[in-house]
Amino acid sequence: QFLYFIGPPPMALRLMVACAMLMAVAFAAVSPNPKGFVMPWMCLERCSFNASAIDGQIGTLARNSDVVQSVSFEWYDLGPNGTLINNSFTNVAPRLKQLGFVTNAMVTTADLVKMRDLWSSESRVDAFLTALDDTLAGPMAGAIDGVNFDWEPPAPPTPTNDDAIQYANFLRRARQVLGGGRSGAFVSVDIATWSAVWNWTLIRDALTNPADDAAGYPRALIAPMSTYTYNDEQFLVRLANDAAVFGPLSPNLVVGLDTWRGSAHELSPSDVAWRLETIRRLGACRVGIWEMPLPDAWWPVLRSFAANCGWL
């Protein structure tokens, strides 16, 4: 049952609601929690940012390098017949690496047909991942640490349970091929609830497979986008679901946030502070933020989160 408020609920009351909900979630602690982990996304030319705007975003990241640990950025697309497309966006990876950030290149698609083409055979999957590994270890050697699969296919066609199984299997294979390849890249994935292609349990199990952990493949990251919501009650419910599926102390969970920059729903400084404090009290301590440039008011709150997050 939800509580409804006229206007924003007071900070103390919102925290009481958050704690009451989240303490009801059963979870298993996977590992001791680190300090806060902050990873913004850069949309680059995909969102029509020009060179000057991109330079400004990198400058902002440089000034806040004590806050940000990793940066994810648009780079590749999934092409037809299981091909890898380099979008020729501004190559920010070398500059980000020089600034000390962990770099995470996105592979993007919104086309389920292309996804099905890719996993129509194991050999096509391996050829795609090998081409990706060769690119990371060749032309981009030393500049890219990980690959972020942001595959968001709207209907039609409507994803099936088999699509969900195939996608989870693909992600596990990606962790094996890239992590065990010349690049040694880690894998991350963005997930939500509006498409059946994301079966959270299957994806969790695929990317936290004990045999793969024992083999030494780099740890994967899983970023639920359902917590992008600007609605406080939805945020609490969805954050609780993140914790229920992954465990709040999971080293794989990255809680997704959206600034809603420039819209009627742009988060206020108090909204941001409440969300980060709720995440901190949960102990999750890893956030991914869509997208640069972040509003100025976010940085002081993120700085406190990065310095102080940890299991209470």
C-alpha atoms as a PDB file:
ATOM      1  CA  GLN A   1       0.000   0.000   0.000  1.00  0.00           C
ATOM      2  CA  PHE A   2       1.319   3.419  -0.927  1.00  0.00           C
ATOM      3  CA  LEU A   3       1.342   6.663   0.960  1.00  0.00           C
ATOM      4  CA  TYR A   4       0.208   9.711  -0.976  1.00  0.00           C
ATOM      5  CA  PHE A   5       1.332  13.266  -0.337  1.00  0.00           C
ATOM      6  CA  ILE A   6       0.237  16.729  -1.362  1.00  0.00           C
ATOM      7  CA  GLY A   7       3.485  18.104  -2.748  1.00  0.00           C
ATOM      8  CA  PRO A   8       6.860  16.501  -2.058  1.00  0.00           C
ATOM      9  CA  PRO A   9       6.930  14.445   1.163  1.00  0.00           C
ATOM     10  CA  PRO A  10       9.238  15.751   3.892  1.00  0.00           C
ATOM     11  CA  MET A  11      12.767  14.346   3.825  1.00  0.00           C
ATOM     12  CA  ALA A  12      12.449  12.481   7.125  1.00  0.00           C
ATOM     13  CA  LEU A  13       9.133  10.911   6.175  1.00  0.00           C
ATOM     14  CA  ARG A  14      10.414   9.872   2.750  1.00  0.00           C
ATOM     15  CA  LEU A  15      13.414   8.206   4.375  1.00  0.00           C
ATOM     16  CA  MET A  16      11.153   6.387   6.841  1.00  0.00           C
ATOM     17  CA  VAL A  17       9.071   5.055   3.943  1.00  0.00           C
ATOM     18  CA  ALA A  18      12.210   4.063   2.056  1.00  0.00           C
ATOM     19  CA  CYS A  19      13.709   2.223   5.001  1.00  0.00           C
ATOM     20  CA  ALA A  20      10.436   0.463   5.823  1.00  0.00           C
ATOM     21  CA  MET A  21      10.147  -0.825   2.263  1.00  0.00           C
ATOM     22  CA  LEU A  22      13.759  -1.764   1.790  1.00  0.00           C
ATOM     23  CA  MET A  23      14.171  -3.514   5.144  1.00  0.00           C
ATOM     24  CA  ALA A  24      11.373  -5.835   4.041  1.00  0.00           C
ATOM     25  CA  VAL A  25      13.459  -7.036   1.091  1.00  0.00           C
ATOM     26  CA  ALA A  26      15.323 -10.282   1.698  1.00  0.00           C
ATOM     27  CA  PHE A  27      18.867 -10.183   0.378  1.00  0.00           C
ATOM     28  CA  ALA A  28      22.247 -11.851   0.662  1.00  0.00           C
ATOM     29  CA  ALA A  29      25.412  -9.796   1.110  1.00  0.00           C
ATOM     30  CA  VAL A  30      27.795 -10.661  -1.681  1.00  0.00           C
ATOM     31  CA  SER A  31      30.827  -8.612  -0.682  1.00  0.00           C
ATOM     32  CA  PRO A  32      31.814  -5.656   1.515  1.00  0.00           C
ATOM     33  CA  ASN A  33      30.586  -2.448  -0.045  1.00  0.00           C
ATOM     34  CA  PRO A  34      33.005   0.116  -1.487  1.00  0.00           C
ATOM     35  CA  LYS A  35      32.739   3.855  -1.320  1.00  0.00           C
ATOM     36  CA  GLY A  36      30.346   5.381  -3.803  1.00  0.00           C
ATOM     37  CA  PHE A  37      30.768   4.535  -7.490  1.00  0.00           C
ATOM     38  CA  VAL A  38      29.500   7.149  -9.954  1.00  0.00           C
ATOM     39  CA  MET A  39      29.278   6.537 -13.721  1.00  0.00           C
ATOM     40  CA  PRO A  40      27.697   9.141 -16.010  1.00  0.00           C
ATOM     41  CA  TRP A  41      26.807   8.342 -19.619  1.00  0.00           C
ATOM     42  CA  MET A  42      27.881  10.585 -22.523  1.00  0.00           C
ATOM     43  CA  CYS A  43      25.491  10.618 -25.490  1.00  0.00           C
ATOM     44  CA  LEU A  44      27.871  12.516 -27.832  1.00  0.00           C
ATOM     45  CA  GLU A  45      26.688  13.090 -31.420  1.00  0.00           C
ATOM     46  CA  ARG A  46      23.818  10.621 -31.003  1.00  0.00           C
ATOM     47  CA  CYS A  47      22.123  13.361 -28.979  1.00  0.00           C
ATOM     48  CA  SER A  48      23.352  16.113 -31.309  1.00  0.00           C
ATOM     49  CA  PHE A  49      26.126  17.429 -29.060  1.00  0.00           C
ATOM     50  CA  ASN A  50      28.806  19.233 -31.071  1.00  0.00           C
ATOM     51  CA  ALA A  51      32.564  19.227 -30.475  1.00  0.00           C
ATOM     52  CA  SER A  52      32.433  22.294 -28.230  1.00  0.00           C
ATOM     53  CA  ALA A  53      29.706  20.784 -26.039  1.00  0.00           C
ATOM     54  CA  ILE A  54      31.591  17.482 -25.777  1.00  0.00           C
ATOM     55  CA  ASP A  55      34.790  19.313 -24.811  1.00  0.00           C
ATOM     56  CA  GLY A  56      32.825  21.132 -22.132  1.00  0.00           C
ATOM     57  CA  GLN A  57      31.474  17.859 -20.748  1.00  0.00           C
ATOM     58  CA  ILE A  58      34.976  16.393 -20.554  1.00  0.00           C
ATOM     59  CA  GLY A  59      36.133  19.538 -18.783  1.00  0.00           C
ATOM     60  CA  THR A  60      33.337  19.133 -16.240  1.00  0.00           C
ATOM     61  CA  LEU A  61      34.302  15.502 -15.676  1.00  0.00           C
ATOM     62  CA  ALA A  62      37.939  16.534 -15.206  1.00  0.00           C
ATOM     63  CA  ARG A  63      36.951  19.069 -12.549  1.00  0.00           C
ATOM     64  CA  ASN A  64      34.953  16.377 -10.769  1.00  0.00           C
ATOM     65  CA  SER A  65      37.367  13.476 -11.096  1.00  0.00           C
ATOM     66  CA  ASP A  66      37.160  12.987  -7.331  1.00  0.00           C
ATOM     67  CA  VAL A  67      33.474  12.127  -7.789  1.00  0.00           C
ATOM     68  CA  VAL A  68      33.367  10.072 -11.004  1.00  0.00           C
ATOM     69  CA  GLN A  69      35.041   6.683 -11.294  1.00  0.00           C
ATOM     70  CA  SER A  70      33.801   5.543 -14.714  1.00  0.00           C
ATOM     71  CA  VAL A  71      32.312   7.080 -17.853  1.00  0.00           C
ATOM     72  CA  SER A  72      30.168   5.256 -20.404  1.00  0.00           C
ATOM     73  CA  PHE A  73      29.783   6.735 -23.883  1.00  0.00           C
ATOM     74  CA  GLU A  74      28.039   6.063 -27.186  1.00  0.00           C
ATOM     75  CA  TRP A  75      30.395   4.380 -29.647  1.00  0.00           C
ATOM     76  CA  TYR A  76      29.246   1.256 -31.530  1.00  0.00           C
ATOM     77  CA  ASP A  77      25.968  -0.028 -33.001  1.00  0.00           C
ATOM     78  CA  LEU A  78      24.808  -3.550 -33.719  1.00  0.00           C
ATOM     79  CA  GLY A  79      24.465  -3.779 -37.503  1.00  0.00           C
ATOM     80  CA  PRO A  80      22.572  -6.195 -39.743  1.00  0.00           C
ATOM     81  CA  ASN A  81      23.649  -9.840 -39.934  1.00  0.00           C
ATOM     82  CA  GLY A  82      25.610  -9.618 -36.706  1.00  0.00           C
ATOM     83  CA  THR A  83      27.991  -6.861 -37.797  1.00  0.00           C
ATOM     84  CA  LEU A  84      29.679  -4.257 -35.609  1.00  0.00           C
ATOM     85  CA  ILE A  85      29.208  -0.628 -36.692  1.00  0.00           C
ATOM     86  CA  ASN A  86      31.601   2.095 -35.576  1.00  0.00           C
ATOM     87  CA  ASN A  87      29.550   5.297 -35.493  1.00  0.00           C
ATOM     88  CA  SER A  88      32.638   7.531 -35.833  1.00  0.00           C
ATOM     89  CA  PHE A  89      31.502   9.688 -32.950  1.00  0.00           C
ATOM     90  CA  THR A  90      34.060  11.900 -31.208  1.00  0.00           C
ATOM     91  CA  ASN A  91      36.726   9.613 -29.768  1.00  0.00           C
ATOM     92  CA  VAL A  92      36.545  10.590 -26.108  1.00  0.00           C
ATOM     93  CA  ALA A  93      38.076   7.373 -24.754  1.00  0.00           C
ATOM     94  CA  PRO A  94      41.784   8.378 -24.808  1.00  0.00           C
ATOM     95  CA  ARG A  95      41.079  11.690 -23.093  1.00  0.00           C
ATOM     96  CA  LEU A  96      38.925  10.024 -20.448  1.00  0.00           C
ATOM     97  CA  LYS A  97      41.636   7.436 -19.793  1.00  0.00           C
ATOM     98  CA  GLN A  98      44.223  10.194 -19.389  1.00  0.00           C
ATOM     99  CA  LEU A  99      41.989  11.703 -16.729  1.00  0.00           C
ATOM    100  CA  GLY A 100      41.992   8.407 -14.848  1.00  0.00           C
ATOM    101  CA  PHE A 101      38.455   7.214 -15.603  1.00  0.00           C
ATOM    102  CA  VAL A 102      37.393   3.644 -16.296  1.00  0.00           C
ATOM    103  CA  THR A 103      36.019   3.815 -19.849  1.00  0.00           C
ATOM    104  CA  ASN A 104      32.934   1.923 -20.986  1.00  0.00           C
ATOM    105  CA  ALA A 105      32.066   1.982 -24.716  1.00  0.00           C
ATOM    106  CA  MET A 106      28.418   1.457 -25.580  1.00  0.00           C
ATOM    107  CA  VAL A 107      27.095  -0.964 -28.180  1.00  0.00           C
ATOM    108  CA  THR A 108      23.585   0.203 -28.997  1.00  0.00           C
ATOM    109  CA  THR A 109      20.550  -1.054 -30.873  1.00  0.00           C
ATOM    110  CA  ALA A 110      16.787  -0.625 -30.817  1.00  0.00           C
ATOM    111  CA  ASP A 111      16.182  -3.362 -33.411  1.00  0.00           C
ATOM    112  CA  LEU A 112      15.049  -6.817 -32.278  1.00  0.00           C
ATOM    113  CA  VAL A 113      15.446  -8.185 -35.811  1.00  0.00           C
ATOM    114  CA  LYS A 114      19.160  -7.355 -35.704  1.00  0.00           C
ATOM    115  CA  MET A 115      19.415  -8.997 -32.299  1.00  0.00           C
ATOM    116  CA  ARG A 116      17.754 -12.161 -33.598  1.00  0.00           C
ATOM    117  CA  ASP A 117      20.032 -12.125 -36.639  1.00  0.00           C
ATOM    118  CA  LEU A 118      23.021 -12.030 -34.321  1.00  0.00           C
ATOM    119  CA  TRP A 119      22.088 -14.936 -32.108  1.00  0.00           C
ATOM    120  CA  SER A 120      20.742 -17.067 -34.970  1.00  0.00           C
ATOM    121  CA  SER A 121      23.926 -19.120 -34.624  1.00  0.00           C
ATOM    122  CA  GLU A 122      26.699 -19.515 -32.074  1.00  0.00           C
ATOM    123  CA  SER A 123      29.304 -18.931 -34.767  1.00  0.00           C
ATOM    124  CA  ARG A 124      27.764 -15.544 -35.630  1.00  0.00           C
ATOM    125  CA  VAL A 125      27.775 -14.538 -31.960  1.00  0.00           C
ATOM    126  CA  ASP A 126      31.419 -15.546 -31.593  1.00  0.00           C
ATOM    127  CA  ALA A 127      32.380 -13.752 -34.823  1.00  0.00           C
ATOM    128  CA  PHE A 128      30.696 -10.550 -33.596  1.00  0.00           C
ATOM    129  CA  LEU A 129      32.342 -10.708 -30.175  1.00  0.00           C
ATOM    130  CA  THR A 130      35.730 -11.566 -31.659  1.00  0.00           C
ATOM    131  CA  ALA A 131      35.481  -8.562 -33.987  1.00  0.00           C
ATOM    132  CA  LEU A 132      34.621  -6.393 -30.990  1.00  0.00           C
ATOM    133  CA  ASP A 133      37.538  -7.803 -28.995  1.00  0.00           C
ATOM    134  CA  ASP A 134      39.907  -7.238 -31.927  1.00  0.00           C
ATOM    135  CA  THR A 135      38.803  -3.599 -32.171  1.00  0.00           C
ATOM    136  CA  LEU A 136      39.274  -3.019 -28.456  1.00  0.00           C
ATOM    137  CA  ALA A 137      42.690  -4.691 -28.460  1.00  0.00           C
ATOM    138  CA  GLY A 138      43.779  -3.137 -31.770  1.00  0.00           C
ATOM    139  CA  PRO A 139      42.790   0.408 -32.807  1.00  0.00           C
ATOM    140  CA  MET A 140      41.419   1.223 -29.332  1.00  0.00           C
ATOM    141  CA  ALA A 141      44.105  -0.617 -27.356  1.00  0.00           C
ATOM    142  CA  GLY A 142      44.459   0.781 -23.854  1.00  0.00           C
ATOM    143  CA  ALA A 143      41.640   3.292 -24.296  1.00  0.00           C
ATOM    144  CA  ILE A 144      38.538   1.217 -23.517  1.00  0.00           C
ATOM    145  CA  ASP A 145      38.138  -0.896 -20.387  1.00  0.00           C
ATOM    146  CA  GLY A 146      34.610  -2.239 -20.840  1.00  0.00           C
ATOM    147  CA  VAL A 147      31.635  -2.612 -23.149  1.00  0.00           C
ATOM    148  CA  ASN A 148      28.127  -1.459 -22.246  1.00  0.00           C
ATOM    149  CA  PHE A 149      25.315  -3.251 -24.103  1.00  0.00           C
ATOM    150  CA  ASP A 150      22.364  -0.860 -24.355  1.00  0.00           C
ATOM    151  CA  TRP A 151      19.884  -2.904 -26.377  1.00  0.00           C
ATOM    152  CA  GLU A 152      16.353  -1.530 -26.093  1.00  0.00           C
ATOM    153  CA  PRO A 153      14.066  -3.019 -28.767  1.00  0.00           C
ATOM    154  CA  PRO A 154      10.525  -1.609 -28.853  1.00  0.00           C
ATOM    155  CA  ALA A 155       7.708  -3.680 -30.318  1.00  0.00           C
ATOM    156  CA  PRO A 156       6.964  -4.644 -33.032  1.00  0.00           C
ATOM    157  CA  PRO A 157       8.107  -7.344 -33.236  1.00  0.00           C
ATOM    158  CA  THR A 158       7.196  -8.377 -29.722  1.00  0.00           C
ATOM    159  CA  PRO A 159      10.040 -10.030 -27.806  1.00  0.00           C
ATOM    160  CA  THR A 160       9.417 -13.591 -26.661  1.00  0.00           C
ATOM    161  CA  ASN A 161      10.697 -15.666 -23.782  1.00  0.00           C
ATOM    162  CA  ASP A 162      13.128 -17.264 -26.222  1.00  0.00           C
ATOM    163  CA  ASP A 163      14.516 -13.798 -27.018  1.00  0.00           C
ATOM    164  CA  ALA A 164      15.108 -13.254 -23.301  1.00  0.00           C
ATOM    165  CA  ILE A 165      16.945 -16.578 -23.044  1.00  0.00           C
ATOM    166  CA  GLN A 166      19.043 -15.806 -26.118  1.00  0.00           C
ATOM    167  CA  TYR A 167      19.956 -12.336 -24.849  1.00  0.00           C
ATOM    168  CA  ALA A 168      21.031 -13.662 -21.457  1.00  0.00           C
ATOM    169  CA  ASN A 169      23.097 -16.370 -23.152  1.00  0.00           C
ATOM    170  CA  PHE A 170      24.664 -13.743 -25.414  1.00  0.00           C
ATOM    171  CA  LEU A 171      25.649 -11.598 -22.421  1.00  0.00           C
ATOM    172  CA  ARG A 172      27.294 -14.525 -20.684  1.00  0.00           C
ATOM    173  CA  ARG A 173      29.208 -15.361 -23.866  1.00  0.00           C
ATOM    174  CA  ALA A 174      30.239 -11.701 -24.182  1.00  0.00           C
ATOM    175  CA  ARG A 175      31.708 -11.792 -20.695  1.00  0.00           C
ATOM    176  CA  GLN A 176      33.661 -14.922 -21.601  1.00  0.00           C
ATOM    177  CA  VAL A 177      34.947 -13.827 -25.011  1.00  0.00           C
ATOM    178  CA  LEU A 178      35.818 -10.237 -24.090  1.00  0.00           C
ATOM    179  CA  GLY A 179      37.038 -10.986 -20.584  1.00  0.00           C
ATOM    180  CA  GLY A 180      39.136 -13.892 -21.808  1.00  0.00           C
ATOM    181  CA  GLY A 181      40.240 -12.198 -25.031  1.00  0.00           C
ATOM    182  CA  ARG A 182      43.066  -9.854 -25.893  1.00  0.00           C
ATOM    183  CA  SER A 183      41.158  -6.806 -24.638  1.00  0.00           C
ATOM    184  CA  GLY A 184      40.235  -8.276 -21.243  1.00  0.00           C
ATOM    185  CA  ALA A 185      37.203  -5.973 -21.328  1.00  0.00           C
ATOM    186  CA  PHE A 186      34.458  -6.159 -18.731  1.00  0.00           C
ATOM    187  CA  VAL A 187      30.777  -6.277 -19.707  1.00  0.00           C
ATOM    188  CA  SER A 188      27.928  -4.097 -18.503  1.00  0.00           C
ATOM    189  CA  VAL A 189      24.286  -4.100 -19.549  1.00  0.00           C
ATOM    190  CA  ASP A 190      21.363  -1.682 -19.242  1.00  0.00           C
ATOM    191  CA  ILE A 191      18.018  -3.298 -18.408  1.00  0.00           C
ATOM    192  CA  ALA A 192      14.444  -2.222 -17.728  1.00  0.00           C
ATOM    193  CA  THR A 193      10.992  -3.763 -17.374  1.00  0.00           C
ATOM    194  CA  TRP A 194       9.064  -2.506 -20.397  1.00  0.00           C
ATOM    195  CA  SER A 195      10.370  -5.211 -22.754  1.00  0.00           C
ATOM    196  CA  ALA A 196      10.278  -8.983 -22.313  1.00  0.00           C
ATOM    197  CA  VAL A 197      13.781  -9.168 -23.775  1.00  0.00           C
ATOM    198  CA  TRP A 198      15.057  -8.336 -20.288  1.00  0.00           C
ATOM    199  CA  ASN A 199      14.520 -11.266 -17.948  1.00  0.00           C
ATOM    200  CA  TRP A 200      16.277  -9.906 -14.899  1.00  0.00           C
ATOM    201  CA  THR A 201      16.794 -13.257 -13.224  1.00  0.00           C
ATOM    202  CA  LEU A 202      18.262 -14.821 -16.360  1.00  0.00           C
ATOM    203  CA  ILE A 203      20.561 -11.831 -16.911  1.00  0.00           C
ATOM    204  CA  ARG A 204      21.663 -11.852 -13.281  1.00  0.00           C
ATOM    205  CA  ASP A 205      22.463 -15.563 -13.407  1.00  0.00           C
ATOM    206  CA  ALA A 206      24.231 -15.241 -16.771  1.00  0.00           C
ATOM    207  CA  LEU A 207      26.529 -12.452 -15.578  1.00  0.00           C
ATOM    208  CA  THR A 208      27.218 -13.824 -12.091  1.00  0.00           C
ATOM    209  CA  ASN A 209      27.875 -17.419 -13.113  1.00  0.00           C
ATOM    210  CA  PRO A 210      30.150 -19.025 -10.483  1.00  0.00           C
ATOM    211  CA  ALA A 211      32.154 -20.935 -13.091  1.00  0.00           C
ATOM    212  CA  ASP A 212      32.874 -17.718 -14.969  1.00  0.00           C
ATOM    213  CA  ASP A 213      33.822 -15.986 -11.723  1.00  0.00           C
ATOM    214  CA  ALA A 214      36.212 -18.831 -10.925  1.00  0.00           C
ATOM    215  CA  ALA A 215      37.704 -18.566 -14.417  1.00  0.00           C
ATOM    216  CA  GLY A 216      38.708 -15.005 -13.603  1.00  0.00           C
ATOM    217  CA  TYR A 217      36.572 -13.124 -16.118  1.00  0.00           C
ATOM    218  CA  PRO A 218      36.125  -9.467 -15.108  1.00  0.00           C
ATOM    219  CA  ARG A 219      33.087  -8.708 -12.985  1.00  0.00           C
ATOM    220  CA  ALA A 220      30.047  -7.606 -14.974  1.00  0.00           C
ATOM    221  CA  LEU A 221      27.853  -4.615 -14.114  1.00  0.00           C
ATOM    222  CA  ILE A 222      24.055  -4.534 -14.446  1.00  0.00           C
ATOM    223  CA  ALA A 223      22.305  -1.149 -14.586  1.00  0.00           C
ATOM    224  CA  PRO A 224      18.498  -1.173 -14.147  1.00  0.00           C
ATOM    225  CA  MET A 225      16.964   1.862 -15.823  1.00  0.00           C
ATOM    226  CA  SER A 226      13.600   1.475 -14.071  1.00  0.00           C
ATOM    227  CA  THR A 227      14.800   3.844 -11.324  1.00  0.00           C
ATOM    228  CA  TYR A 228      15.128   6.656 -13.891  1.00  0.00           C
ATOM    229  CA  THR A 229      11.617   7.685 -12.813  1.00  0.00           C
ATOM    230  CA  TYR A 230      10.992  11.157 -11.404  1.00  0.00           C
ATOM    231  CA  ASN A 231       8.101   9.800  -9.292  1.00  0.00           C
ATOM    232  CA  ASP A 232       9.209   9.263  -5.679  1.00  0.00           C
ATOM    233  CA  GLU A 233       6.915   6.339  -4.915  1.00  0.00           C
ATOM    234  CA  GLN A 234       7.862   4.558  -8.135  1.00  0.00           C
ATOM    235  CA  PHE A 235      11.510   5.115  -7.318  1.00  0.00           C
ATOM    236  CA  LEU A 236      11.135   3.424  -3.925  1.00  0.00           C
ATOM    237  CA  VAL A 237       9.246   0.454  -5.330  1.00  0.00           C
ATOM    238  CA  ARG A 238      11.674  -0.012  -8.195  1.00  0.00           C
ATOM    239  CA  LEU A 239      14.750   0.384  -6.014  1.00  0.00           C
ATOM    240  CA  ALA A 240      13.320  -2.260  -3.703  1.00  0.00           C
ATOM    241  CA  ASN A 241      12.896  -4.519  -6.741  1.00  0.00           C
ATOM    242  CA  ASP A 242      16.538  -3.947  -7.718  1.00  0.00           C
ATOM    243  CA  ALA A 243      17.537  -5.040  -4.233  1.00  0.00           C
ATOM    244  CA  ALA A 244      15.236  -8.060  -4.297  1.00  0.00           C
ATOM    245  CA  VAL A 245      16.670  -9.356  -7.585  1.00  0.00           C
ATOM    246  CA  PHE A 246      20.338  -8.527  -7.168  1.00  0.00           C
ATOM    247  CA  GLY A 247      20.875  -7.937  -3.453  1.00  0.00           C
ATOM    248  CA  PRO A 248      21.720  -4.379  -2.369  1.00  0.00           C
ATOM    249  CA  LEU A 249      25.351  -5.310  -1.646  1.00  0.00           C
ATOM    250  CA  SER A 250      25.779  -6.984  -5.019  1.00  0.00           C
ATOM    251  CA  PRO A 251      29.034  -5.850  -6.651  1.00  0.00           C
ATOM    252  CA  ASN A 252      27.184  -6.073  -9.977  1.00  0.00           C
ATOM    253  CA  LEU A 253      24.311  -3.641  -9.311  1.00  0.00           C
ATOM    254  CA  VAL A 254      24.483  -0.069 -10.649  1.00  0.00           C
ATOM    255  CA  VAL A 255      21.338   1.916  -9.787  1.00  0.00           C
ATOM    256  CA  GLY A 256      20.191   4.016 -12.751  1.00  0.00           C
ATOM    257  CA  LEU A 257      19.252   7.683 -12.364  1.00  0.00           C
ATOM    258  CA  ASP A 258      18.054  10.254 -14.880  1.00  0.00           C
ATOM    259  CA  THR A 259      18.454  14.000 -14.435  1.00  0.00           C
ATOM    260  CA  TRP A 260      15.351  14.798 -16.533  1.00  0.00           C
ATOM    261  CA  ARG A 261      17.431  17.827 -17.498  1.00  0.00           C
ATOM    262  CA  GLY A 262      15.515  20.573 -19.286  1.00  0.00           C
ATOM    263  CA  SER A 263      12.103  19.002 -18.757  1.00  0.00           C
ATOM    264  CA  ALA A 264       9.203  19.843 -16.466  1.00  0.00           C
ATOM    265  CA  HIS A 265      10.344  16.896 -14.320  1.00  0.00           C
ATOM    266  CA  GLU A 266      13.983  17.948 -13.853  1.00  0.00           C
ATOM    267  CA  LEU A 267      15.070  16.732 -10.432  1.00  0.00           C
ATOM    268  CA  SER A 268      15.667  19.431  -7.845  1.00  0.00           C
ATOM    269  CA  PRO A 269      18.738  19.356  -5.570  1.00  0.00           C
ATOM    270  CA  SER A 270      16.554  17.992  -2.752  1.00  0.00           C
ATOM    271  CA  ASP A 271      15.211  15.265  -5.069  1.00  0.00           C
ATOM    272  CA  VAL A 272      18.754  14.237  -5.968  1.00  0.00           C
ATOM    273  CA  ALA A 273      19.884  14.304  -2.345  1.00  0.00           C
ATOM    274  CA  TRP A 274      16.931  12.151  -1.274  1.00  0.00           C
ATOM    275  CA  ARG A 275      17.532   9.551  -4.002  1.00  0.00           C
ATOM    276  CA  LEU A 276      21.228   9.268  -3.234  1.00  0.00           C
ATOM    277  CA  GLU A 277      20.608   9.112   0.502  1.00  0.00           C
ATOM    278  CA  THR A 278      18.032   6.354  -0.022  1.00  0.00           C
ATOM    279  CA  ILE A 279      20.529   4.418  -2.154  1.00  0.00           C
ATOM    280  CA  ARG A 280      23.218   5.003   0.472  1.00  0.00           C
ATOM    281  CA  ARG A 281      21.002   3.710   3.274  1.00  0.00           C
ATOM    282  CA  LEU A 282      20.296   0.649   1.176  1.00  0.00           C
ATOM    283  CA  GLY A 283      24.035   0.176   0.766  1.00  0.00           C
ATOM    284  CA  ALA A 284      23.980  -0.128  -3.032  1.00  0.00           C
ATOM    285  CA  CYS A 285      26.590   2.635  -3.499  1.00  0.00           C
ATOM    286  CA  ARG A 286      26.867   2.401  -7.289  1.00  0.00           C
ATOM    287  CA  VAL A 287      24.944   4.756  -9.578  1.00  0.00           C
ATOM    288  CA  GLY A 288      24.839   5.301 -13.330  1.00  0.00           C
ATOM    289  CA  ILE A 289      23.444   8.653 -14.485  1.00  0.00           C
ATOM    290  CA  TRP A 290      21.838   9.481 -17.836  1.00  0.00           C
ATOM    291  CA  GLU A 291      23.369  11.774 -19.031  1.00  0.00           C
ATOM    292  CA  MET A 292      26.034  14.421 -19.337  1.00  0.00           C
ATOM    293  CA  PRO A 293      26.024  17.346 -18.850  1.00  0.00           C
ATOM    294  CA  LEU A 294      24.736  16.930 -15.310  1.00  0.00           C
ATOM    295  CA  PRO A 295      23.059  19.993 -13.784  1.00  0.00           C
ATOM    296  CA  ASP A 296      25.493  21.913 -11.585  1.00  0.00           C
ATOM    297  CA  ALA A 297      23.444  21.195  -8.468  1.00  0.00           C
ATOM    298  CA  TRP A 298      24.145  17.453  -8.781  1.00  0.00           C
ATOM    299  CA  TRP A 299      27.880  17.684  -8.195  1.00  0.00           C
ATOM    300  CA  PRO A 300      28.024  18.672  -4.492  1.00  0.00           C
ATOM    301  CA  VAL A 301      25.490  15.952  -3.641  1.00  0.00           C
ATOM    302  CA  LEU A 302      27.345  13.350  -5.710  1.00  0.00           C
ATOM    303  CA  ARG A 303      30.614  14.387  -4.057  1.00  0.00           C
ATOM    304  CA  SER A 304      29.154  13.613  -0.637  1.00  0.00           C
ATOM    305  CA  PHE A 305      27.740  10.320  -1.903  1.00  0.00           C
ATOM    306  CA  ALA A 306      31.041   9.248  -3.447  1.00  0.00           C
ATOM    307  CA  ALA A 307      32.947  10.050  -0.283  1.00  0.00           C
ATOM    308  CA  ASN A 308      30.561   8.614   2.263  1.00  0.00           C
ATOM    309  CA  CYS A 309      28.530   5.797   0.759  1.00  0.00           C
ATOM    310  CA  GLY A 310      28.887   2.438   2.466  1.00  0.00           C
ATOM    311  CA  TRP A 311      26.836  -0.052   4.425  1.00  0.00           C
ATOM    312  CA  LEU A 312      25.448   1.645   7.544  1.00  0.00           C
END
